[in-house]
Each structure stands twice: as structure tokens, then as C-alpha cells.
PDB file of N, CA and C in Angstrom:
ATOM      1  N   UNK A   1      76.205  49.516  55.929  1.00  0.00           N
ATOM      2  CA  UNK A   1      74.906  49.521  55.312  1.00  0.00           C
ATOM      3  C   UNK A   1      73.961  50.369  56.150  1.00  0.00           C
ATOM      4  N   UNK A   2      73.126  51.086  55.476  1.00  0.00           N
ATOM      5  CA  UNK A   2      72.196  51.983  56.147  1.00  0.00           C
ATOM      6  C   UNK A   2      71.057  51.161  56.762  1.00  0.00           C
ATOM      7  N   UNK A   3      70.709  51.502  58.006  1.00  0.00           N
ATOM      8  CA  UNK A   3      69.616  50.802  58.676  1.00  0.00           C
ATOM      9  C   UNK A   3      68.299  51.474  58.301  1.00  0.00           C
ATOM     10  N   UNK A   4      67.352  50.661  57.857  1.00  0.00           N
ATOM     11  CA  UNK A   4      66.036  51.174  57.474  1.00  0.00           C
ATOM     12  C   UNK A   4      65.002  50.436  58.308  1.00  0.00           C
ATOM     13  N   UNK A   5      64.112  51.182  58.911  1.00  0.00           N
ATOM     14  CA  UNK A   5      63.062  50.595  59.736  1.00  0.00           C
ATOM     15  C   UNK A   5      61.966  50.053  58.835  1.00  0.00           C
ATOM     16  N   UNK A   6      61.799  48.725  58.805  1.00  0.00           N
ATOM     17  CA  UNK A   6      60.796  48.094  57.945  1.00  0.00           C
ATOM     18  C   UNK A   6      59.382  48.170  58.519  1.00  0.00           C
ATOM     19  N   UNK A   7      59.221  48.625  59.770  1.00  0.00           N
ATOM     20  CA  UNK A   7      57.901  48.704  60.396  1.00  0.00           C
ATOM     21  C   UNK A   7      57.097  49.900  59.899  1.00  0.00           C
ATOM     22  N   UNK A   8      57.736  50.841  59.312  1.00  0.00           N
ATOM     23  CA  UNK A   8      57.012  52.012  58.826  1.00  0.00           C
ATOM     24  C   UNK A   8      56.468  51.716  57.432  1.00  0.00           C
ATOM     25  N   UNK A   9      55.202  51.831  57.271  1.00  0.00           N
ATOM     26  CA  UNK A   9      54.574  51.478  55.997  1.00  0.00           C
ATOM     27  C   UNK A   9      54.924  52.462  54.885  1.00  0.00           C
ATOM     28  N   UNK A  10      55.119  53.698  55.189  1.00  0.00           N
ATOM     29  CA  UNK A  10      55.408  54.673  54.135  1.00  0.00           C
ATOM     30  C   UNK A  10      56.832  54.526  53.600  1.00  0.00           C
ATOM     31  N   UNK A  11      57.777  53.903  54.329  1.00  0.00           N
ATOM     32  CA  UNK A  11      59.148  53.714  53.862  1.00  0.00           C
ATOM     33  C   UNK A  11      59.358  52.352  53.221  1.00  0.00           C
ATOM     34  N   UNK A  12      58.379  51.507  53.227  1.00  0.00           N
ATOM     35  CA  UNK A  12      58.532  50.149  52.701  1.00  0.00           C
ATOM     36  C   UNK A  12      58.902  50.135  51.216  1.00  0.00           C
ATOM     37  N   UNK A  13      58.219  50.877  50.343  1.00  0.00           N
ATOM     38  CA  UNK A  13      58.618  50.869  48.925  1.00  0.00           C
ATOM     39  C   UNK A  13      60.043  51.397  48.725  1.00  0.00           C
ATOM     40  N   UNK A  14      60.436  52.381  49.493  1.00  0.00           N
ATOM     41  CA  UNK A  14      61.779  52.921  49.379  1.00  0.00           C
ATOM     42  C   UNK A  14      62.815  51.878  49.798  1.00  0.00           C
ATOM     43  N   UNK A  15      62.488  51.089  50.812  1.00  0.00           N
ATOM     44  CA  UNK A  15      63.385  50.032  51.269  1.00  0.00           C
ATOM     45  C   UNK A  15      63.560  48.979  50.185  1.00  0.00           C
ATOM     46  N   UNK A  16      62.470  48.606  49.519  1.00  0.00           N
ATOM     47  CA  UNK A  16      62.566  47.623  48.443  1.00  0.00           C
ATOM     48  C   UNK A  16      63.425  48.153  47.297  1.00  0.00           C
ATOM     49  N   UNK A  17      63.250  49.412  46.955  1.00  0.00           N
ATOM     50  CA  UNK A  17      64.077  50.011  45.896  1.00  0.00           C
ATOM     51  C   UNK A  17      65.547  50.012  46.298  1.00  0.00           C
ATOM     52  N   UNK A  18      65.794  50.378  47.547  1.00  0.00           N
ATOM     53  CA  UNK A  18      67.158  50.420  48.043  1.00  0.00           C
ATOM     54  C   UNK A  18      67.804  49.039  47.963  1.00  0.00           C
ATOM     55  N   UNK A  19      67.090  48.008  48.386  1.00  0.00           N
ATOM     56  CA  UNK A  19      67.619  46.643  48.355  1.00  0.00           C
ATOM     57  C   UNK A  19      67.784  46.138  46.931  1.00  0.00           C
ATOM     58  N   UNK A  20      66.857  46.483  46.048  1.00  0.00           N
ATOM     59  CA  UNK A  20      66.981  46.011  44.666  1.00  0.00           C
ATOM     60  C   UNK A  20      68.144  46.704  43.962  1.00  0.00           C
ATOM     61  N   UNK A  21      68.380  47.976  44.270  1.00  0.00           N
ATOM     62  CA  UNK A  21      69.522  48.678  43.691  1.00  0.00           C
ATOM     63  C   UNK A  21      70.823  48.058  44.177  1.00  0.00           C
ATOM     64  N   UNK A  22      70.875  47.707  45.441  1.00  0.00           N
ATOM     65  CA  UNK A  22      72.064  47.045  45.974  1.00  0.00           C
ATOM     66  C   UNK A  22      72.304  45.713  45.258  1.00  0.00           C
ATOM     67  N   UNK A  23      71.247  44.944  45.059  1.00  0.00           N
ATOM     68  CA  UNK A  23      71.377  43.653  44.386  1.00  0.00           C
ATOM     69  C   UNK A  23      71.854  43.838  42.945  1.00  0.00           C
ATOM     70  N   UNK A  24      71.301  44.838  42.243  1.00  0.00           N
ATOM     71  CA  UNK A  24      71.722  45.097  40.870  1.00  0.00           C
ATOM     72  C   UNK A  24      73.191  45.509  40.817  1.00  0.00           C
ATOM     73  N   UNK A  25      73.596  46.344  41.736  1.00  0.00           N
ATOM     74  CA  UNK A  25      74.991  46.781  41.763  1.00  0.00           C
ATOM     75  C   UNK A  25      75.927  45.610  42.046  1.00  0.00           C
ATOM     76  N   UNK A  26      75.529  44.737  42.968  1.00  0.00           N
ATOM     77  CA  UNK A  26      76.331  43.562  43.276  1.00  0.00           C
ATOM     78  C   UNK A  26      76.450  42.660  42.051  1.00  0.00           C
ATOM     79  N   UNK A  27      75.344  42.443  41.341  1.00  0.00           N
ATOM     80  CA  UNK A  27      75.376  41.610  40.140  1.00  0.00           C
ATOM     81  C   UNK A  27      76.300  42.199  39.079  1.00  0.00           C
ATOM     82  N   UNK A  28      76.233  43.513  38.879  1.00  0.00           N
ATOM     83  CA  UNK A  28      77.101  44.155  37.899  1.00  0.00           C
ATOM     84  C   UNK A  28      78.567  44.036  38.312  1.00  0.00           C
ATOM     85  N   UNK A  29      78.834  44.207  39.588  1.00  0.00           N
ATOM     86  CA  UNK A  29      80.199  44.058  40.070  1.00  0.00           C
ATOM     87  C   UNK A  29      80.711  42.645  39.826  1.00  0.00           C
ATOM     88  N   UNK A  30      79.885  41.645  40.124  1.00  0.00           N
ATOM     89  CA  UNK A  30      80.296  40.251  39.937  1.00  0.00           C
ATOM     90  C   UNK A  30      80.543  39.936  38.462  1.00  0.00           C
ATOM     91  N   UNK A  31      79.714  40.484  37.572  1.00  0.00           N
ATOM     92  CA  UNK A  31      79.920  40.280  36.131  1.00  0.00           C
ATOM     93  C   UNK A  31      81.265  40.858  35.699  1.00  0.00           C
ATOM     94  N   UNK A  32      81.547  42.073  36.116  1.00  0.00           N
ATOM     95  CA  UNK A  32      82.801  42.723  35.746  1.00  0.00           C
ATOM     96  C   UNK A  32      83.998  41.988  36.353  1.00  0.00           C
ATOM     97  N   UNK A  33      83.818  41.501  37.576  1.00  0.00           N
ATOM     98  CA  UNK A  33      84.898  40.763  38.231  1.00  0.00           C
ATOM     99  C   UNK A  33      85.212  39.482  37.463  1.00  0.00           C
ATOM    100  N   UNK A  34      84.183  38.784  36.986  1.00  0.00           N
ATOM    101  CA  UNK A  34      84.388  37.579  36.176  1.00  0.00           C
ATOM    102  C   UNK A  34      85.136  37.925  34.885  1.00  0.00           C
ATOM    103  N   UNK A  35      84.764  39.045  34.260  1.00  0.00           N
ATOM    104  CA  UNK A  35      85.450  39.464  33.035  1.00  0.00           C
ATOM    105  C   UNK A  35      86.930  39.715  33.301  1.00  0.00           C
ATOM    106  N   UNK A  36      87.225  40.380  34.404  1.00  0.00           N
ATOM    107  CA  UNK A  36      88.614  40.669  34.755  1.00  0.00           C
ATOM    108  C   UNK A  36      89.388  39.366  34.984  1.00  0.00           C
ATOM    109  N   UNK A  37      88.780  38.412  35.672  1.00  0.00           N
ATOM    110  CA  UNK A  37      89.448  37.127  35.909  1.00  0.00           C
ATOM    111  C   UNK A  37      89.709  36.402  34.596  1.00  0.00           C
ATOM    112  N   UNK A  38      88.748  36.429  33.667  1.00  0.00           N
ATOM    113  CA  UNK A  38      88.925  35.792  32.362  1.00  0.00           C
ATOM    114  C   UNK A  38      90.056  36.462  31.583  1.00  0.00           C
ATOM    115  N   UNK A  39      90.104  37.786  31.640  1.00  0.00           N
ATOM    116  CA  UNK A  39      91.166  38.513  30.948  1.00  0.00           C
ATOM    117  C   UNK A  39      92.539  38.208  31.548  1.00  0.00           C
ATOM    118  N   UNK A  40      92.599  38.092  32.860  1.00  0.00           N
ATOM    119  CA  UNK A  40      93.866  37.755  33.512  1.00  0.00           C
ATOM    120  C   UNK A  40      94.327  36.356  33.101  1.00  0.00           C
ATOM    121  N   UNK A  41      93.393  35.415  33.009  1.00  0.00           N
ATOM    122  CA  UNK A  41      93.722  34.052  32.582  1.00  0.00           C
ATOM    123  C   UNK A  41      94.227  34.056  31.148  1.00  0.00           C
ATOM    124  N   UNK A  42      93.528  34.782  30.276  1.00  0.00           N
ATOM    125  CA  UNK A  42      93.935  34.866  28.877  1.00  0.00           C
ATOM    126  C   UNK A  42      95.320  35.486  28.754  1.00  0.00           C
ATOM    127  N   UNK A  43      95.563  36.535  29.505  1.00  0.00           N
ATOM    128  CA  UNK A  43      96.866  37.201  29.474  1.00  0.00           C
ATOM    129  C   UNK A  43      97.975  36.248  29.921  1.00  0.00           C
ATOM    130  N   UNK A  44      97.740  35.494  30.977  1.00  0.00           N
ATOM    131  CA  UNK A  44      98.748  34.553  31.473  1.00  0.00           C
ATOM    132  C   UNK A  44      99.044  33.487  30.416  1.00  0.00           C
ATOM    133  N   UNK A  45      98.006  32.993  29.736  1.00  0.00           N
ATOM    134  CA  UNK A  45      98.206  31.995  28.682  1.00  0.00           C
ATOM    135  C   UNK A  45      98.996  32.582  27.522  1.00  0.00           C
ATOM    136  N   UNK A  46      98.687  33.815  27.150  1.00  0.00           N
ATOM    137  CA  UNK A  46      99.400  34.465  26.054  1.00  0.00           C
ATOM    138  C   UNK A  46     100.863  34.707  26.410  1.00  0.00           C
ATOM    139  N   UNK A  47     101.116  35.071  27.658  1.00  0.00           N
ATOM    140  CA  UNK A  47     102.498  35.288  28.091  1.00  0.00           C
ATOM    141  C   UNK A  47     103.296  33.993  28.021  1.00  0.00           C
ATOM    142  N   UNK A  48     102.699  32.879  28.474  1.00  0.00           N
ATOM    143  CA  UNK A  48     103.383  31.586  28.418  1.00  0.00           C
ATOM    144  C   UNK A  48     103.660  31.199  26.971  1.00  0.00           C
ATOM    145  N   UNK A  49     102.679  31.393  26.111  1.00  0.00           N
ATOM    146  CA  UNK A  49     102.837  31.066  24.699  1.00  0.00           C
ATOM    147  C   UNK A  49     103.945  31.909  24.073  1.00  0.00           C
ATOM    148  N   UNK A  50     103.940  33.192  24.371  1.00  0.00           N
ATOM    149  CA  UNK A  50     104.957  34.104  23.839  1.00  0.00           C
ATOM    150  C   UNK A  50     106.344  33.693  24.315  1.00  0.00           C
ATOM    151  N   UNK A  51     106.473  33.404  25.606  1.00  0.00           N
ATOM    152  CA  UNK A  51     107.766  33.026  26.162  1.00  0.00           C
ATOM    153  C   UNK A  51     108.285  31.738  25.549  1.00  0.00           C
ATOM    154  N   UNK A  52     107.394  30.773  25.315  1.00  0.00           N
ATOM    155  CA  UNK A  52     107.840  29.514  24.706  1.00  0.00           C
ATOM    156  C   UNK A  52     108.252  29.731  23.252  1.00  0.00           C
ATOM    157  N   UNK A  53     107.554  30.618  22.535  1.00  0.00           N
ATOM    158  CA  UNK A  53     107.936  30.913  21.153  1.00  0.00           C
ATOM    159  C   UNK A  53     109.283  31.625  21.101  1.00  0.00           C
ATOM    160  N   UNK A  54     109.507  32.537  22.035  1.00  0.00           N
ATOM    161  CA  UNK A  54     110.793  33.244  22.082  1.00  0.00           C
ATOM    162  C   UNK A  54     111.914  32.252  22.378  1.00  0.00           C
ATOM    163  N   UNK A  55     111.696  31.338  23.309  1.00  0.00           N
ATOM    164  CA  UNK A  55     112.719  30.343  23.646  1.00  0.00           C
ATOM    165  C   UNK A  55     113.021  29.463  22.437  1.00  0.00           C
ATOM    166  N   UNK A  56     111.986  29.071  21.719  1.00  0.00           N
ATOM    167  CA  UNK A  56     112.178  28.234  20.527  1.00  0.00           C
ATOM    168  C   UNK A  56     112.962  29.009  19.464  1.00  0.00           C
ATOM    169  N   UNK A  57     112.632  30.270  19.261  1.00  0.00           N
ATOM    170  CA  UNK A  57     113.353  31.081  18.280  1.00  0.00           C
ATOM    171  C   UNK A  57     114.812  31.276  18.690  1.00  0.00           C
ATOM    172  N   UNK A  58     115.059  31.429  19.978  1.00  0.00           N
ATOM    173  CA  UNK A  58     116.443  31.575  20.447  1.00  0.00           C
ATOM    174  C   UNK A  58     117.239  30.305  20.161  1.00  0.00           C
ATOM    175  N   UNK A  59     116.605  29.139  20.353  1.00  0.00           N
ATOM    176  CA  UNK A  59     117.268  27.874  20.043  1.00  0.00           C
ATOM    177  C   UNK A  59     117.564  27.779  18.547  1.00  0.00           C
ATOM    178  N   UNK A  60     116.611  28.212  17.717  1.00  0.00           N
ATOM    179  CA  UNK A  60     116.818  28.186  16.275  1.00  0.00           C
ATOM    180  C   UNK A  60     117.946  29.126  15.864  1.00  0.00           C
ATOM    181  N   UNK A  61     118.014  30.285  16.485  1.00  0.00           N
ATOM    182  CA  UNK A  61     119.083  31.246  16.194  1.00  0.00           C
ATOM    183  C   UNK A  61     120.437  30.646  16.547  1.00  0.00           C
ATOM    184  N   UNK A  62     120.519  30.009  17.715  1.00  0.00           N
ATOM    185  CA  UNK A  62     121.776  29.384  18.132  1.00  0.00           C
ATOM    186  C   UNK A  62     122.180  28.307  17.125  1.00  0.00           C
ATOM    187  N   UNK A  63     121.214  27.478  16.700  1.00  0.00           N
ATOM    188  CA  UNK A  63     121.513  26.424  15.727  1.00  0.00           C
ATOM    189  C   UNK A  63     121.993  27.023  14.407  1.00  0.00           C
ATOM    190  N   UNK A  64     121.363  28.083  13.962  1.00  0.00           N
ATOM    191  CA  UNK A  64     121.773  28.739  12.712  1.00  0.00           C
ATOM    192  C   UNK A  64     123.171  29.343  12.831  1.00  0.00           C
ATOM    193  N   UNK A  65     123.457  29.979  13.953  1.00  0.00           N
ATOM    194  CA  UNK A  65     124.777  30.572  14.168  1.00  0.00           C
ATOM    195  C   UNK A  65     125.847  29.490  14.184  1.00  0.00           C
ATOM    196  N   UNK A  66     125.580  28.377  14.855  1.00  0.00           N
ATOM    197  CA  UNK A  66     126.555  27.279  14.893  1.00  0.00           C
ATOM    198  C   UNK A  66     126.784  26.715  13.492  1.00  0.00           C
ATOM    199  N   UNK A  67     125.712  26.564  12.735  1.00  0.00           N
ATOM    200  CA  UNK A  67     125.847  26.079  11.361  1.00  0.00           C
ATOM    201  C   UNK A  67     126.640  27.052  10.508  1.00  0.00           C
ATOM    202  N   UNK A  68     126.383  28.323  10.667  1.00  0.00           N
ATOM    203  CA  UNK A  68     127.108  29.349   9.916  1.00  0.00           C
ATOM    204  C   UNK A  68     128.585  29.355  10.285  1.00  0.00           C
ATOM    205  N   UNK A  69     128.887  29.193  11.562  1.00  0.00           N
ATOM    206  CA  UNK A  69     130.284  29.143  11.995  1.00  0.00           C
ATOM    207  C   UNK A  69     130.995  27.928  11.406  1.00  0.00           C
ATOM    208  N   UNK A  70     130.283  26.815  11.346  1.00  0.00           N
ATOM    209  CA  UNK A  70     130.853  25.587  10.788  1.00  0.00           C
ATOM    210  C   UNK A  70     131.167  25.774   9.304  1.00  0.00           C
ATOM    211  N   UNK A  71     130.215  26.341   8.561  1.00  0.00           N
ATOM    212  CA  UNK A  71     130.426  26.573   7.127  1.00  0.00           C
ATOM    213  C   UNK A  71     131.551  27.574   6.909  1.00  0.00           C
ATOM    214  N   UNK A  72     131.592  28.621   7.724  1.00  0.00           N
ATOM    215  CA  UNK A  72     132.647  29.625   7.613  1.00  0.00           C
ATOM    216  C   UNK A  72     134.013  28.993   7.856  1.00  0.00           C
ATOM    217  N   UNK A  73     134.092  28.127   8.857  1.00  0.00           N
ATOM    218  CA  UNK A  73     135.363  27.449   9.153  1.00  0.00           C
ATOM    219  C   UNK A  73     135.765  26.551   7.995  1.00  0.00           C
ATOM    220  N   UNK A  74     134.810  25.855   7.409  1.00  0.00           N
ATOM    221  CA  UNK A  74     135.118  24.979   6.277  1.00  0.00           C
ATOM    222  C   UNK A  74     135.600  25.791   5.078  1.00  0.00           C
ATOM    223  N   UNK A  75     134.951  26.917   4.826  1.00  0.00           N
ATOM    224  CA  UNK A  75     135.347  27.748   3.691  1.00  0.00           C
ATOM    225  C   UNK A  75     136.706  28.396   3.921  1.00  0.00           C
ATOM    226  N   UNK A  76     136.987  28.738   5.158  1.00  0.00           N
ATOM    227  CA  UNK A  76     138.261  29.371   5.484  1.00  0.00           C
ATOM    228  C   UNK A  76     139.406  28.386   5.320  1.00  0.00           C
ATOM    229  N   UNK A  77     139.189  27.142   5.725  1.00  0.00           N
ATOM    230  CA  UNK A  77     140.252  26.132   5.631  1.00  0.00           C
ATOM    231  C   UNK A  77     140.428  25.624   4.213  1.00  0.00           C
ATOM    232  N   UNK A  78     139.420  25.768   3.382  1.00  0.00           N
ATOM    233  CA  UNK A  78     139.550  25.319   1.987  1.00  0.00           C
ATOM    234  C   UNK A  78     140.472  26.284   1.256  1.00  0.00           C
ATOM    235  N   UNK A  79     141.452  25.756   0.598  1.00  0.00           N
ATOM    236  CA  UNK A  79     142.415  26.603  -0.109  1.00  0.00           C
ATOM    237  C   UNK A  79     141.864  27.075  -1.446  1.00  0.00           C
ATOM    238  N   UNK A  80     142.441  28.135  -1.982  1.00  0.00           N
ATOM    239  CA  UNK A  80     142.013  28.646  -3.285  1.00  0.00           C
ATOM    240  C   UNK A  80     142.199  27.612  -4.397  1.00  0.00           C
ATOM    241  N   UNK A  81     143.162  26.701  -4.242  1.00  0.00           N
ATOM    242  CA  UNK A  81     143.374  25.683  -5.268  1.00  0.00           C
ATOM    243  C   UNK A  81     142.212  24.684  -5.320  1.00  0.00           C
ATOM    244  N   UNK A  82     141.505  24.537  -4.228  1.00  0.00           N
ATOM    245  CA  UNK A  82     140.343  23.632  -4.172  1.00  0.00           C
ATOM    246  C   UNK A  82     139.042  24.352  -4.539  1.00  0.00           C
ATOM    247  N   UNK A  83     139.122  25.590  -4.852  1.00  0.00           N
ATOM    248  CA  UNK A  83     137.916  26.347  -5.187  1.00  0.00           C
ATOM    249  C   UNK A  83     137.265  26.995  -3.971  1.00  0.00           C
ATOM    250  N   UNK A  84     137.956  26.997  -2.847  1.00  0.00           N
ATOM    251  CA  UNK A  84     137.422  27.601  -1.641  1.00  0.00           C
ATOM    252  C   UNK A  84     137.541  29.107  -1.670  1.00  0.00           C
ATOM    253  N   UNK A  85     136.939  29.747  -0.726  1.00  0.00           N
ATOM    254  CA  UNK A  85     136.982  31.204  -0.642  1.00  0.00           C
ATOM    255  C   UNK A  85     138.100  31.636   0.282  1.00  0.00           C
ATOM    256  N   UNK A  86     138.676  32.761  -0.048  1.00  0.00           N
ATOM    257  CA  UNK A  86     139.681  33.318   0.837  1.00  0.00           C
ATOM    258  C   UNK A  86     138.975  34.059   1.970  1.00  0.00           C
ATOM    259  N   UNK A  87     139.595  34.053   3.114  1.00  0.00           N
ATOM    260  CA  UNK A  87     138.979  34.646   4.299  1.00  0.00           C
ATOM    261  C   UNK A  87     138.824  36.149   4.173  1.00  0.00           C
ATOM    262  N   UNK A  88     139.663  36.803   3.376  1.00  0.00           N
ATOM    263  CA  UNK A  88     139.597  38.258   3.304  1.00  0.00           C
ATOM    264  C   UNK A  88     138.658  38.763   2.212  1.00  0.00           C
ATOM    265  N   UNK A  89     138.022  37.873   1.438  1.00  0.00           N
ATOM    266  CA  UNK A  89     137.071  38.301   0.413  1.00  0.00           C
ATOM    267  C   UNK A  89     135.697  38.510   1.043  1.00  0.00           C
ATOM    268  N   UNK A  90     135.032  39.559   0.629  1.00  0.00           N
ATOM    269  CA  UNK A  90     133.678  39.819   1.112  1.00  0.00           C
ATOM    270  C   UNK A  90     132.683  39.142   0.189  1.00  0.00           C
ATOM    271  N   UNK A  91     131.684  38.533   0.760  1.00  0.00           N
ATOM    272  CA  UNK A  91     130.633  37.913  -0.038  1.00  0.00           C
ATOM    273  C   UNK A  91     129.358  38.704   0.142  1.00  0.00           C
ATOM    274  N   UNK A  92     128.536  38.797  -0.908  1.00  0.00           N
ATOM    275  CA  UNK A  92     127.292  39.565  -0.776  1.00  0.00           C
ATOM    276  C   UNK A  92     126.328  38.872   0.180  1.00  0.00           C
ATOM    277  N   UNK A  93     125.577  39.676   0.880  1.00  0.00           N
ATOM    278  CA  UNK A  93     124.581  39.175   1.822  1.00  0.00           C
ATOM    279  C   UNK A  93     123.198  39.413   1.241  1.00  0.00           C
ATOM    280  N   UNK A  94     122.426  38.372   1.121  1.00  0.00           N
ATOM    281  CA  UNK A  94     121.072  38.469   0.587  1.00  0.00           C
ATOM    282  C   UNK A  94     120.088  38.273   1.731  1.00  0.00           C
ATOM    283  N   UNK A  95     119.191  39.229   1.909  1.00  0.00           N
ATOM    284  CA  UNK A  95     118.195  39.166   2.978  1.00  0.00           C
ATOM    285  C   UNK A  95     116.829  39.032   2.350  1.00  0.00           C
ATOM    286  N   UNK A  96     116.109  37.995   2.701  1.00  0.00           N
ATOM    287  CA  UNK A  96     114.759  37.781   2.190  1.00  0.00           C
ATOM    288  C   UNK A  96     113.746  38.217   3.238  1.00  0.00           C
ATOM    289  N   UNK A  97     112.751  38.932   2.800  1.00  0.00           N
ATOM    290  CA  UNK A  97     111.684  39.339   3.716  1.00  0.00           C
ATOM    291  C   UNK A  97     110.351  38.867   3.158  1.00  0.00           C
ATOM    292  N   UNK A  98     109.347  38.813   4.019  1.00  0.00           N
ATOM    293  CA  UNK A  98     108.017  38.364   3.622  1.00  0.00           C
ATOM    294  C   UNK A  98     107.105  39.517   3.288  1.00  0.00           C
ATOM    295  N   UNK A  99     107.603  40.607   2.880  1.00  0.00           N
ATOM    296  CA  UNK A  99     106.764  41.775   2.610  1.00  0.00           C
ATOM    297  C   UNK A  99     106.185  41.737   1.250  1.00  0.00           C
TER     298      UNK A  99
END
């Protein structure tokens, strides 16, 4: 910090301006720093939320795959005389989207 002699009357107004500018700059820095901290907190919360949603979706995918494997095994073991599907027949795949 620059040393200013407060005993000189002609430099007194300049000293007050210098100190007030420093105070304003400090206040602006503190405001921006608070914003950055808030953004970091929000980002951390969003990351946790995203990670938990991904984990839940992975569990759902595993459950769906296991169910599909079970149904496939049942259909494969069912003979044509029972109305089951043969393993070498292709079945159409229908994909639904929300568009």
C-alpha cells in the first residue's frame, strides 16, 4: 500500500479519494467472490444430483436387461408346439421416442 502523508493539507482530499476507491474495490471484489462461492456450491449440488440420476438409470438398465434375458430364455425354451418362438426367428423391434 502506498504511504500518504496525512499532515499535508493539500493532499488530504486526494488521500480520502484514494481510500474510498480502495474500499469500493474491496467491496466489489467481495461481492464477486460471494457469487463465485454460490456458483461453486450450485455446481457441486448439480453434480451430485446428476451422478445419483445416472446411478439410478444404470440400475434400471440392469433390471431391464435381466428381465429381457429372462423373457428371452423363456421364449427360447418354449417349443413351437406350445406357441413359443424359435430362437432363430427375428422379431421386429419397436422403439418409442418422446419427440
